[in-house]
Amino acid sequence: ASQGSDTPLLPCQRNGIPVSPVRPKPIEKSQFIHNNLKDVYVSIADYEGDEETAGFQEGVSMEVLERNPNGWWYCQILDGAKPFKGWVPSNYLEKKN
């Protein structure tokens, strides 16, 4: 008699979808920015933004609100008529003294 060798194991495959989704790395405590200490940077070049990123000109001051390990920082642009927030490439920023 057959010992169930024809019965497929469950689940055998999931259409190529990984079982565990890739999670972003947890942000280390040292990367969190405290509200009482503003982390202000200045842009060193013009950057043309798009729908998801903030565009800015050279010499614009911005406060870093969140740092992503992939090199994109969420900043509040301080210069201009009204401040706005958006993701900016960190290599365009230099620490303001």
PDB file of N, CA and C in Angstrom:
ATOM      1  N   ALA A   1       0.843  -1.199   0.000  1.00  0.00           N
ATOM      2  CA  ALA A   1       0.000   0.000   0.000  1.00  0.00           C
ATOM      3  C   ALA A   1       0.874   1.242   0.000  1.00  0.00           C
ATOM      4  N   SER A   2       0.333   2.325  -0.552  1.00  0.00           N
ATOM      5  CA  SER A   2       1.075   3.586  -0.615  1.00  0.00           C
ATOM      6  C   SER A   2       1.164   4.208   0.768  1.00  0.00           C
ATOM      7  N   GLN A   3       2.314   4.800   1.070  1.00  0.00           N
ATOM      8  CA  GLN A   3       2.515   5.423   2.375  1.00  0.00           C
ATOM      9  C   GLN A   3       2.313   6.933   2.300  1.00  0.00           C
ATOM     10  N   GLY A   4       1.550   7.431   1.327  1.00  0.00           N
ATOM     11  CA  GLY A   4       1.294   8.868   1.227  1.00  0.00           C
ATOM     12  C   GLY A   4       2.398   9.604   0.508  1.00  0.00           C
ATOM     13  N   SER A   5       3.218   8.875  -0.272  1.00  0.00           N
ATOM     14  CA  SER A   5       4.314   9.541  -0.970  1.00  0.00           C
ATOM     15  C   SER A   5       3.809  10.448  -2.088  1.00  0.00           C
ATOM     16  N   ASP A   6       2.582  10.211  -2.563  1.00  0.00           N
ATOM     17  CA  ASP A   6       2.025  11.046  -3.621  1.00  0.00           C
ATOM     18  C   ASP A   6       1.368  12.306  -3.067  1.00  0.00           C
ATOM     19  N   THR A   7       1.138  12.345  -1.759  1.00  0.00           N
ATOM     20  CA  THR A   7       0.488  13.515  -1.170  1.00  0.00           C
ATOM     21  C   THR A   7       1.497  14.658  -1.081  1.00  0.00           C
ATOM     22  N   PRO A   8       1.190  15.827  -1.676  1.00  0.00           N
ATOM     23  CA  PRO A   8       2.145  16.954  -1.615  1.00  0.00           C
ATOM     24  C   PRO A   8       2.263  17.515  -0.204  1.00  0.00           C
ATOM     25  N   LEU A   9       3.449  17.946   0.134  1.00  0.00           N
ATOM     26  CA  LEU A   9       3.658  18.583   1.435  1.00  0.00           C
ATOM     27  C   LEU A   9       3.056  19.981   1.398  1.00  0.00           C
ATOM     28  N   LEU A  10       2.443  20.376   2.478  1.00  0.00           N
ATOM     29  CA  LEU A  10       1.828  21.710   2.541  1.00  0.00           C
ATOM     30  C   LEU A  10       2.607  22.607   3.490  1.00  0.00           C
ATOM     31  N   PRO A  11       2.876  23.863   3.155  1.00  0.00           N
ATOM     32  CA  PRO A  11       2.756  24.347   1.771  1.00  0.00           C
ATOM     33  C   PRO A  11       4.053  24.074   1.031  1.00  0.00           C
ATOM     34  N   CYS A  12       3.982  23.679  -0.235  1.00  0.00           N
ATOM     35  CA  CYS A  12       5.213  23.355  -0.955  1.00  0.00           C
ATOM     36  C   CYS A  12       5.838  24.603  -1.566  1.00  0.00           C
ATOM     37  N   GLN A  13       5.008  25.534  -2.077  1.00  0.00           N
ATOM     38  CA  GLN A  13       5.564  26.783  -2.591  1.00  0.00           C
ATOM     39  C   GLN A  13       4.522  27.888  -2.514  1.00  0.00           C
ATOM     40  N   ARG A  14       4.986  29.103  -2.490  1.00  0.00           N
ATOM     41  CA  ARG A  14       4.087  30.249  -2.351  1.00  0.00           C
ATOM     42  C   ARG A  14       4.250  31.221  -3.517  1.00  0.00           C
ATOM     43  N   ASN A  15       4.274  30.683  -4.731  1.00  0.00           N
ATOM     44  CA  ASN A  15       4.357  31.515  -5.936  1.00  0.00           C
ATOM     45  C   ASN A  15       5.567  32.451  -5.935  1.00  0.00           C
ATOM     46  N   GLY A  16       6.659  32.002  -5.346  1.00  0.00           N
ATOM     47  CA  GLY A  16       7.878  32.805  -5.362  1.00  0.00           C
ATOM     48  C   GLY A  16       7.903  33.931  -4.352  1.00  0.00           C
ATOM     49  N   ILE A  17       6.840  34.073  -3.564  1.00  0.00           N
ATOM     50  CA  ILE A  17       6.817  35.136  -2.555  1.00  0.00           C
ATOM     51  C   ILE A  17       7.559  34.644  -1.322  1.00  0.00           C
ATOM     52  N   PRO A  18       8.523  35.414  -0.834  1.00  0.00           N
ATOM     53  CA  PRO A  18       9.256  34.971   0.364  1.00  0.00           C
ATOM     54  C   PRO A  18       8.328  34.865   1.561  1.00  0.00           C
ATOM     55  N   VAL A  19       8.603  33.882   2.408  1.00  0.00           N
ATOM     56  CA  VAL A  19       7.742  33.641   3.565  1.00  0.00           C
ATOM     57  C   VAL A  19       7.802  34.805   4.543  1.00  0.00           C
ATOM     58  N   SER A  20       9.002  35.285   4.841  1.00  0.00           N
ATOM     59  CA  SER A  20       9.125  36.414   5.765  1.00  0.00           C
ATOM     60  C   SER A  20       9.513  37.663   4.984  1.00  0.00           C
ATOM     61  N   PRO A  21       8.714  38.724   5.083  1.00  0.00           N
ATOM     62  CA  PRO A  21       9.047  39.951   4.356  1.00  0.00           C
ATOM     63  C   PRO A  21      10.307  40.596   4.914  1.00  0.00           C
ATOM     64  N   VAL A  22      11.015  41.299   4.063  1.00  0.00           N
ATOM     65  CA  VAL A  22      12.233  41.986   4.500  1.00  0.00           C
ATOM     66  C   VAL A  22      11.837  43.177   5.358  1.00  0.00           C
ATOM     67  N   ARG A  23      12.352  43.223   6.555  1.00  0.00           N
ATOM     68  CA  ARG A  23      12.021  44.332   7.454  1.00  0.00           C
ATOM     69  C   ARG A  23      13.170  45.331   7.464  1.00  0.00           C
ATOM     70  N   PRO A  24      12.855  46.621   7.578  1.00  0.00           N
ATOM     71  CA  PRO A  24      13.941  47.608   7.684  1.00  0.00           C
ATOM     72  C   PRO A  24      14.695  47.418   8.988  1.00  0.00           C
ATOM     73  N   LYS A  25      15.959  47.756   8.959  1.00  0.00           N
ATOM     74  CA  LYS A  25      16.763  47.632  10.173  1.00  0.00           C
ATOM     75  C   LYS A  25      16.215  48.569  11.242  1.00  0.00           C
ATOM     76  N   PRO A  26      16.166  48.110  12.474  1.00  0.00           N
ATOM     77  CA  PRO A  26      15.709  49.022  13.533  1.00  0.00           C
ATOM     78  C   PRO A  26      16.690  50.174  13.705  1.00  0.00           C
ATOM     79  N   ILE A  27      16.161  51.348  13.909  1.00  0.00           N
ATOM     80  CA  ILE A  27      17.020  52.522  14.073  1.00  0.00           C
ATOM     81  C   ILE A  27      17.672  52.465  15.452  1.00  0.00           C
ATOM     82  N   GLU A  28      18.974  52.614  15.466  1.00  0.00           N
ATOM     83  CA  GLU A  28      19.685  52.596  16.741  1.00  0.00           C
ATOM     84  C   GLU A  28      19.353  53.853  17.530  1.00  0.00           C
ATOM     85  N   LYS A  29      19.467  53.736  18.841  1.00  0.00           N
ATOM     86  CA  LYS A  29      19.120  54.872  19.695  1.00  0.00           C
ATOM     87  C   LYS A  29      19.961  56.100  19.373  1.00  0.00           C
ATOM     88  N   SER A  30      21.194  55.882  18.940  1.00  0.00           N
ATOM     89  CA  SER A  30      22.074  57.015  18.646  1.00  0.00           C
ATOM     90  C   SER A  30      21.609  57.796  17.429  1.00  0.00           C
ATOM     91  N   GLN A  31      20.753  57.168  16.592  1.00  0.00           N
ATOM     92  CA  GLN A  31      20.288  57.848  15.391  1.00  0.00           C
ATOM     93  C   GLN A  31      19.036  58.682  15.654  1.00  0.00           C
ATOM     94  N   PHE A  32      18.395  58.474  16.790  1.00  0.00           N
ATOM     95  CA  PHE A  32      17.233  59.291  17.112  1.00  0.00           C
ATOM     96  C   PHE A  32      17.693  60.694  17.485  1.00  0.00           C
ATOM     97  N   ILE A  33      16.982  61.677  17.007  1.00  0.00           N
ATOM     98  CA  ILE A  33      17.361  63.067  17.261  1.00  0.00           C
ATOM     99  C   ILE A  33      16.411  63.653  18.297  1.00  0.00           C
ATOM    100  N   HIS A  34      16.968  64.192  19.352  1.00  0.00           N
ATOM    101  CA  HIS A  34      16.149  64.766  20.411  1.00  0.00           C
ATOM    102  C   HIS A  34      15.640  66.141  19.988  1.00  0.00           C
ATOM    103  N   ASN A  35      14.406  66.428  20.359  1.00  0.00           N
ATOM    104  CA  ASN A  35      13.776  67.673  19.933  1.00  0.00           C
ATOM    105  C   ASN A  35      14.464  68.907  20.507  1.00  0.00           C
ATOM    106  N   ASN A  36      15.076  68.767  21.690  1.00  0.00           N
ATOM    107  CA  ASN A  36      15.675  69.947  22.314  1.00  0.00           C
ATOM    108  C   ASN A  36      17.010  70.311  21.669  1.00  0.00           C
ATOM    109  N   LEU A  37      17.527  69.446  20.821  1.00  0.00           N
ATOM    110  CA  LEU A  37      18.802  69.720  20.160  1.00  0.00           C
ATOM    111  C   LEU A  37      18.577  69.629  18.656  1.00  0.00           C
ATOM    112  N   LYS A  38      18.474  70.784  18.002  1.00  0.00           N
ATOM    113  CA  LYS A  38      18.198  70.780  16.567  1.00  0.00           C
ATOM    114  C   LYS A  38      19.438  70.364  15.793  1.00  0.00           C
ATOM    115  N   ASP A  39      19.225  69.491  14.826  1.00  0.00           N
ATOM    116  CA  ASP A  39      20.306  69.001  13.977  1.00  0.00           C
ATOM    117  C   ASP A  39      20.190  69.715  12.636  1.00  0.00           C
ATOM    118  N   VAL A  40      20.874  70.857  12.511  1.00  0.00           N
ATOM    119  CA  VAL A  40      20.720  71.699  11.324  1.00  0.00           C
ATOM    120  C   VAL A  40      21.883  71.488  10.360  1.00  0.00           C
ATOM    121  N   TYR A  41      21.539  71.257   9.104  1.00  0.00           N
ATOM    122  CA  TYR A  41      22.521  71.091   8.033  1.00  0.00           C
ATOM    123  C   TYR A  41      22.244  72.133   6.959  1.00  0.00           C
ATOM    124  N   VAL A  42      23.234  72.337   6.085  1.00  0.00           N
ATOM    125  CA  VAL A  42      23.068  73.265   4.967  1.00  0.00           C
ATOM    126  C   VAL A  42      23.387  72.507   3.685  1.00  0.00           C
ATOM    127  N   SER A  43      22.608  72.781   2.628  1.00  0.00           N
ATOM    128  CA  SER A  43      22.815  72.075   1.361  1.00  0.00           C
ATOM    129  C   SER A  43      24.053  72.616   0.655  1.00  0.00           C
ATOM    130  N   ILE A  44      24.807  71.715   0.027  1.00  0.00           N
ATOM    131  CA  ILE A  44      26.048  72.104  -0.649  1.00  0.00           C
ATOM    132  C   ILE A  44      25.884  72.119  -2.164  1.00  0.00           C
ATOM    133  N   ALA A  45      24.691  71.786  -2.660  1.00  0.00           N
ATOM    134  CA  ALA A  45      24.434  71.796  -4.106  1.00  0.00           C
ATOM    135  C   ALA A  45      22.933  71.835  -4.346  1.00  0.00           C
ATOM    136  N   ASP A  46      22.547  72.264  -5.549  1.00  0.00           N
ATOM    137  CA  ASP A  46      21.137  72.238  -5.918  1.00  0.00           C
ATOM    138  C   ASP A  46      20.692  70.787  -6.092  1.00  0.00           C
ATOM    139  N   TYR A  47      19.451  70.516  -5.712  1.00  0.00           N
ATOM    140  CA  TYR A  47      18.888  69.187  -5.914  1.00  0.00           C
ATOM    141  C   TYR A  47      17.469  69.333  -6.438  1.00  0.00           C
ATOM    142  N   GLU A  48      17.194  68.651  -7.544  1.00  0.00           N
ATOM    143  CA  GLU A  48      15.859  68.706  -8.129  1.00  0.00           C
ATOM    144  C   GLU A  48      15.037  67.550  -7.584  1.00  0.00           C
ATOM    145  N   GLY A  49      14.031  67.866  -6.799  1.00  0.00           N
ATOM    146  CA  GLY A  49      13.213  66.827  -6.191  1.00  0.00           C
ATOM    147  C   GLY A  49      12.152  66.301  -7.132  1.00  0.00           C
ATOM    148  N   ASP A  50      11.372  65.335  -6.635  1.00  0.00           N
ATOM    149  CA  ASP A  50      10.241  64.811  -7.389  1.00  0.00           C
ATOM    150  C   ASP A  50       9.047  64.671  -6.449  1.00  0.00           C
ATOM    151  N   GLU A  51       8.125  63.772  -6.777  1.00  0.00           N
ATOM    152  CA  GLU A  51       6.923  63.647  -5.947  1.00  0.00           C
ATOM    153  C   GLU A  51       7.243  63.178  -4.530  1.00  0.00           C
ATOM    154  N   GLU A  52       8.306  62.377  -4.389  1.00  0.00           N
ATOM    155  CA  GLU A  52       8.601  61.780  -3.091  1.00  0.00           C
ATOM    156  C   GLU A  52       9.759  62.449  -2.362  1.00  0.00           C
ATOM    157  N   THR A  53      10.522  63.271  -3.060  1.00  0.00           N
ATOM    158  CA  THR A  53      11.682  63.895  -2.427  1.00  0.00           C
ATOM    159  C   THR A  53      11.587  65.412  -2.521  1.00  0.00           C
ATOM    160  N   ALA A  54      12.256  66.083  -1.605  1.00  0.00           N
ATOM    161  CA  ALA A  54      12.206  67.540  -1.553  1.00  0.00           C
ATOM    162  C   ALA A  54      13.311  68.134  -2.417  1.00  0.00           C
ATOM    163  N   GLY A  55      12.962  69.090  -3.247  1.00  0.00           N
ATOM    164  CA  GLY A  55      13.959  69.811  -4.024  1.00  0.00           C
ATOM    165  C   GLY A  55      14.416  71.046  -3.263  1.00  0.00           C
ATOM    166  N   PHE A  56      15.667  71.449  -3.484  1.00  0.00           N
ATOM    167  CA  PHE A  56      16.194  72.619  -2.775  1.00  0.00           C
ATOM    168  C   PHE A  56      17.353  73.199  -3.566  1.00  0.00           C
ATOM    169  N   GLN A  57      17.761  74.394  -3.182  1.00  0.00           N
ATOM    170  CA  GLN A  57      18.902  75.048  -3.813  1.00  0.00           C
ATOM    171  C   GLN A  57      20.103  74.991  -2.883  1.00  0.00           C
ATOM    172  N   GLU A  58      21.260  75.312  -3.430  1.00  0.00           N
ATOM    173  CA  GLU A  58      22.484  75.328  -2.629  1.00  0.00           C
ATOM    174  C   GLU A  58      22.383  76.397  -1.555  1.00  0.00           C
ATOM    175  N   GLY A  59      22.912  76.097  -0.366  1.00  0.00           N
ATOM    176  CA  GLY A  59      22.939  77.068   0.717  1.00  0.00           C
ATOM    177  C   GLY A  59      21.666  77.150   1.534  1.00  0.00           C
ATOM    178  N   VAL A  60      20.786  76.155   1.400  1.00  0.00           N
ATOM    179  CA  VAL A  60      19.529  76.148   2.149  1.00  0.00           C
ATOM    180  C   VAL A  60      19.736  75.423   3.474  1.00  0.00           C
ATOM    181  N   SER A  61      19.256  76.029   4.556  1.00  0.00           N
ATOM    182  CA  SER A  61      19.342  75.388   5.867  1.00  0.00           C
ATOM    183  C   SER A  61      18.167  74.441   6.045  1.00  0.00           C
ATOM    184  N   MET A  62      18.438  73.291   6.646  1.00  0.00           N
ATOM    185  CA  MET A  62      17.365  72.341   6.930  1.00  0.00           C
ATOM    186  C   MET A  62      17.667  71.569   8.193  1.00  0.00           C
ATOM    187  N   GLU A  63      16.598  71.245   8.911  1.00  0.00           N
ATOM    188  CA  GLU A  63      16.722  70.493  10.153  1.00  0.00           C
ATOM    189  C   GLU A  63      16.447  69.028   9.870  1.00  0.00           C
ATOM    190  N   VAL A  64      17.364  68.151  10.285  1.00  0.00           N
ATOM    191  CA  VAL A  64      17.197  66.714  10.072  1.00  0.00           C
ATOM    192  C   VAL A  64      16.258  66.164  11.142  1.00  0.00           C
ATOM    193  N   LEU A  65      15.161  65.555  10.691  1.00  0.00           N
ATOM    194  CA  LEU A  65      14.171  64.998  11.608  1.00  0.00           C
ATOM    195  C   LEU A  65      14.320  63.487  11.754  1.00  0.00           C
ATOM    196  N   GLU A  66      14.736  62.834  10.684  1.00  0.00           N
ATOM    197  CA  GLU A  66      14.865  61.374  10.708  1.00  0.00           C
ATOM    198  C   GLU A  66      15.958  60.958   9.740  1.00  0.00           C
ATOM    199  N   ARG A  67      16.764  59.977  10.156  1.00  0.00           N
ATOM    200  CA  ARG A  67      17.849  59.492   9.296  1.00  0.00           C
ATOM    201  C   ARG A  67      17.578  58.046   8.915  1.00  0.00           C
ATOM    202  N   ASN A  68      17.556  57.772   7.620  1.00  0.00           N
ATOM    203  CA  ASN A  68      17.386  56.405   7.149  1.00  0.00           C
ATOM    204  C   ASN A  68      18.764  55.857   6.803  1.00  0.00           C
ATOM    205  N   PRO A  69      19.063  54.607   7.200  1.00  0.00           N
ATOM    206  CA  PRO A  69      20.384  54.040   6.901  1.00  0.00           C
ATOM    207  C   PRO A  69      20.715  53.995   5.411  1.00  0.00           C
ATOM    208  N   ASN A  70      19.713  54.103   4.535  1.00  0.00           N
ATOM    209  CA  ASN A  70      19.986  54.044   3.095  1.00  0.00           C
ATOM    210  C   ASN A  70      20.516  55.355   2.537  1.00  0.00           C
ATOM    211  N   GLY A  71      20.683  56.376   3.398  1.00  0.00           N
ATOM    212  CA  GLY A  71      21.269  57.635   2.940  1.00  0.00           C
ATOM    213  C   GLY A  71      20.268  58.745   2.694  1.00  0.00           C
ATOM    214  N   TRP A  72      18.980  58.453   2.842  1.00  0.00           N
ATOM    215  CA  TRP A  72      17.957  59.492   2.692  1.00  0.00           C
ATOM    216  C   TRP A  72      17.545  59.988   4.064  1.00  0.00           C
ATOM    217  N   TRP A  73      17.524  61.307   4.232  1.00  0.00           N
ATOM    218  CA  TRP A  73      17.137  61.905   5.505  1.00  0.00           C
ATOM    219  C   TRP A  73      15.852  62.688   5.325  1.00  0.00           C
ATOM    220  N   TYR A  74      14.977  62.588   6.336  1.00  0.00           N
ATOM    221  CA  TYR A  74      13.727  63.352   6.321  1.00  0.00           C
ATOM    222  C   TYR A  74      13.999  64.681   7.020  1.00  0.00           C
ATOM    223  N   CYS A  75      13.887  65.768   6.279  1.00  0.00           N
ATOM    224  CA  CYS A  75      14.279  67.077   6.787  1.00  0.00           C
ATOM    225  C   CYS A  75      13.144  68.081   6.684  1.00  0.00           C
ATOM    226  N   GLN A  76      13.253  69.109   7.512  1.00  0.00           N
ATOM    227  CA  GLN A  76      12.385  70.273   7.371  1.00  0.00           C
ATOM    228  C   GLN A  76      13.229  71.390   6.786  1.00  0.00           C
ATOM    229  N   ILE A  77      12.815  71.881   5.602  1.00  0.00           N
ATOM    230  CA  ILE A  77      13.522  72.980   4.957  1.00  0.00           C
ATOM    231  C   ILE A  77      13.181  74.249   5.721  1.00  0.00           C
ATOM    232  N   LEU A  78      14.200  74.925   6.253  1.00  0.00           N
ATOM    233  CA  LEU A  78      13.960  76.082   7.114  1.00  0.00           C
ATOM    234  C   LEU A  78      13.884  77.381   6.325  1.00  0.00           C
ATOM    235  N   ASP A  79      14.572  77.455   5.194  1.00  0.00           N
ATOM    236  CA  ASP A  79      14.557  78.676   4.392  1.00  0.00           C
ATOM    237  C   ASP A  79      13.320  78.707   3.496  1.00  0.00           C
ATOM    238  N   GLY A  80      12.943  79.905   3.087  1.00  0.00           N
ATOM    239  CA  GLY A  80      11.802  80.030   2.187  1.00  0.00           C
ATOM    240  C   GLY A  80      10.605  80.649   2.872  1.00  0.00           C
ATOM    241  N   ALA A  81       9.587  80.948   2.082  1.00  0.00           N
ATOM    242  CA  ALA A  81       8.394  81.611   2.607  1.00  0.00           C
ATOM    243  C   ALA A  81       7.696  80.745   3.649  1.00  0.00           C
ATOM    244  N   LYS A  82       7.522  79.454   3.335  1.00  0.00           N
ATOM    245  CA  LYS A  82       6.923  78.550   4.314  1.00  0.00           C
ATOM    246  C   LYS A  82       7.744  77.280   4.393  1.00  0.00           C
ATOM    247  N   PRO A  83       8.125  76.870   5.604  1.00  0.00           N
ATOM    248  CA  PRO A  83       8.928  75.654   5.762  1.00  0.00           C
ATOM    249  C   PRO A  83       8.148  74.435   5.280  1.00  0.00           C
ATOM    250  N   PHE A  84       8.842  73.492   4.650  1.00  0.00           N
ATOM    251  CA  PHE A  84       8.200  72.244   4.258  1.00  0.00           C
ATOM    252  C   PHE A  84       9.126  71.088   4.559  1.00  0.00           C
ATOM    253  N   LYS A  85       8.565  69.875   4.603  1.00  0.00           N
ATOM    254  CA  LYS A  85       9.330  68.690   4.957  1.00  0.00           C
ATOM    255  C   LYS A  85       9.394  67.732   3.781  1.00  0.00           C
ATOM    256  N   GLY A  86      10.469  66.949   3.729  1.00  0.00           N
ATOM    257  CA  GLY A  86      10.603  65.953   2.681  1.00  0.00           C
ATOM    258  C   GLY A  86      11.906  65.179   2.813  1.00  0.00           C
ATOM    259  N   TRP A  87      12.014  64.117   2.019  1.00  0.00           N
ATOM    260  CA  TRP A  87      13.230  63.294   2.011  1.00  0.00           C
ATOM    261  C   TRP A  87      14.286  63.942   1.127  1.00  0.00           C
ATOM    262  N   VAL A  88      15.514  64.018   1.630  1.00  0.00           N
ATOM    263  CA  VAL A  88      16.618  64.601   0.868  1.00  0.00           C
ATOM    264  C   VAL A  88      17.819  63.650   0.930  1.00  0.00           C
ATOM    265  N   PRO A  89      18.662  63.647  -0.107  1.00  0.00           N
ATOM    266  CA  PRO A  89      19.864  62.803  -0.074  1.00  0.00           C
ATOM    267  C   PRO A  89      20.904  63.404   0.868  1.00  0.00           C
ATOM    268  N   SER A  90      21.360  62.598   1.827  1.00  0.00           N
ATOM    269  CA  SER A  90      22.255  63.125   2.867  1.00  0.00           C
ATOM    270  C   SER A  90      23.599  63.577   2.317  1.00  0.00           C
ATOM    271  N   ASN A  91      24.015  63.053   1.156  1.00  0.00           N
ATOM    272  CA  ASN A  91      25.314  63.470   0.610  1.00  0.00           C
ATOM    273  C   ASN A  91      25.274  64.883   0.041  1.00  0.00           C
ATOM    274  N   TYR A  92      24.088  65.503  -0.009  1.00  0.00           N
ATOM    275  CA  TYR A  92      23.970  66.901  -0.429  1.00  0.00           C
ATOM    276  C   TYR A  92      24.020  67.851   0.772  1.00  0.00           C
ATOM    277  N   LEU A  93      24.176  67.297   1.968  1.00  0.00           N
ATOM    278  CA  LEU A  93      24.110  68.118   3.175  1.00  0.00           C
ATOM    279  C   LEU A  93      25.451  68.171   3.884  1.00  0.00           C
ATOM    280  N   GLU A  94      25.675  69.302   4.555  1.00  0.00           N
ATOM    281  CA  GLU A  94      26.889  69.490   5.338  1.00  0.00           C
ATOM    282  C   GLU A  94      26.480  70.066   6.685  1.00  0.00           C
ATOM    283  N   LYS A  95      27.116  69.592   7.749  1.00  0.00           N
ATOM    284  CA  LYS A  95      26.766  70.044   9.099  1.00  0.00           C
ATOM    285  C   LYS A  95      26.995  71.543   9.224  1.00  0.00           C
ATOM    286  N   LYS A  96      25.987  72.234   9.766  1.00  0.00           N
ATOM    287  CA  LYS A  96      26.094  73.681   9.949  1.00  0.00           C
ATOM    288  C   LYS A  96      26.687  73.962  11.323  1.00  0.00           C
ATOM    289  N   ASN A  97      27.660  74.851  11.372  1.00  0.00           N
ATOM    290  CA  ASN A  97      28.310  75.183  12.648  1.00  0.00           C
ATOM    291  C   ASN A  97      27.560  76.292  13.366  1.00  0.00           C
TER     292      ASN A  97
END
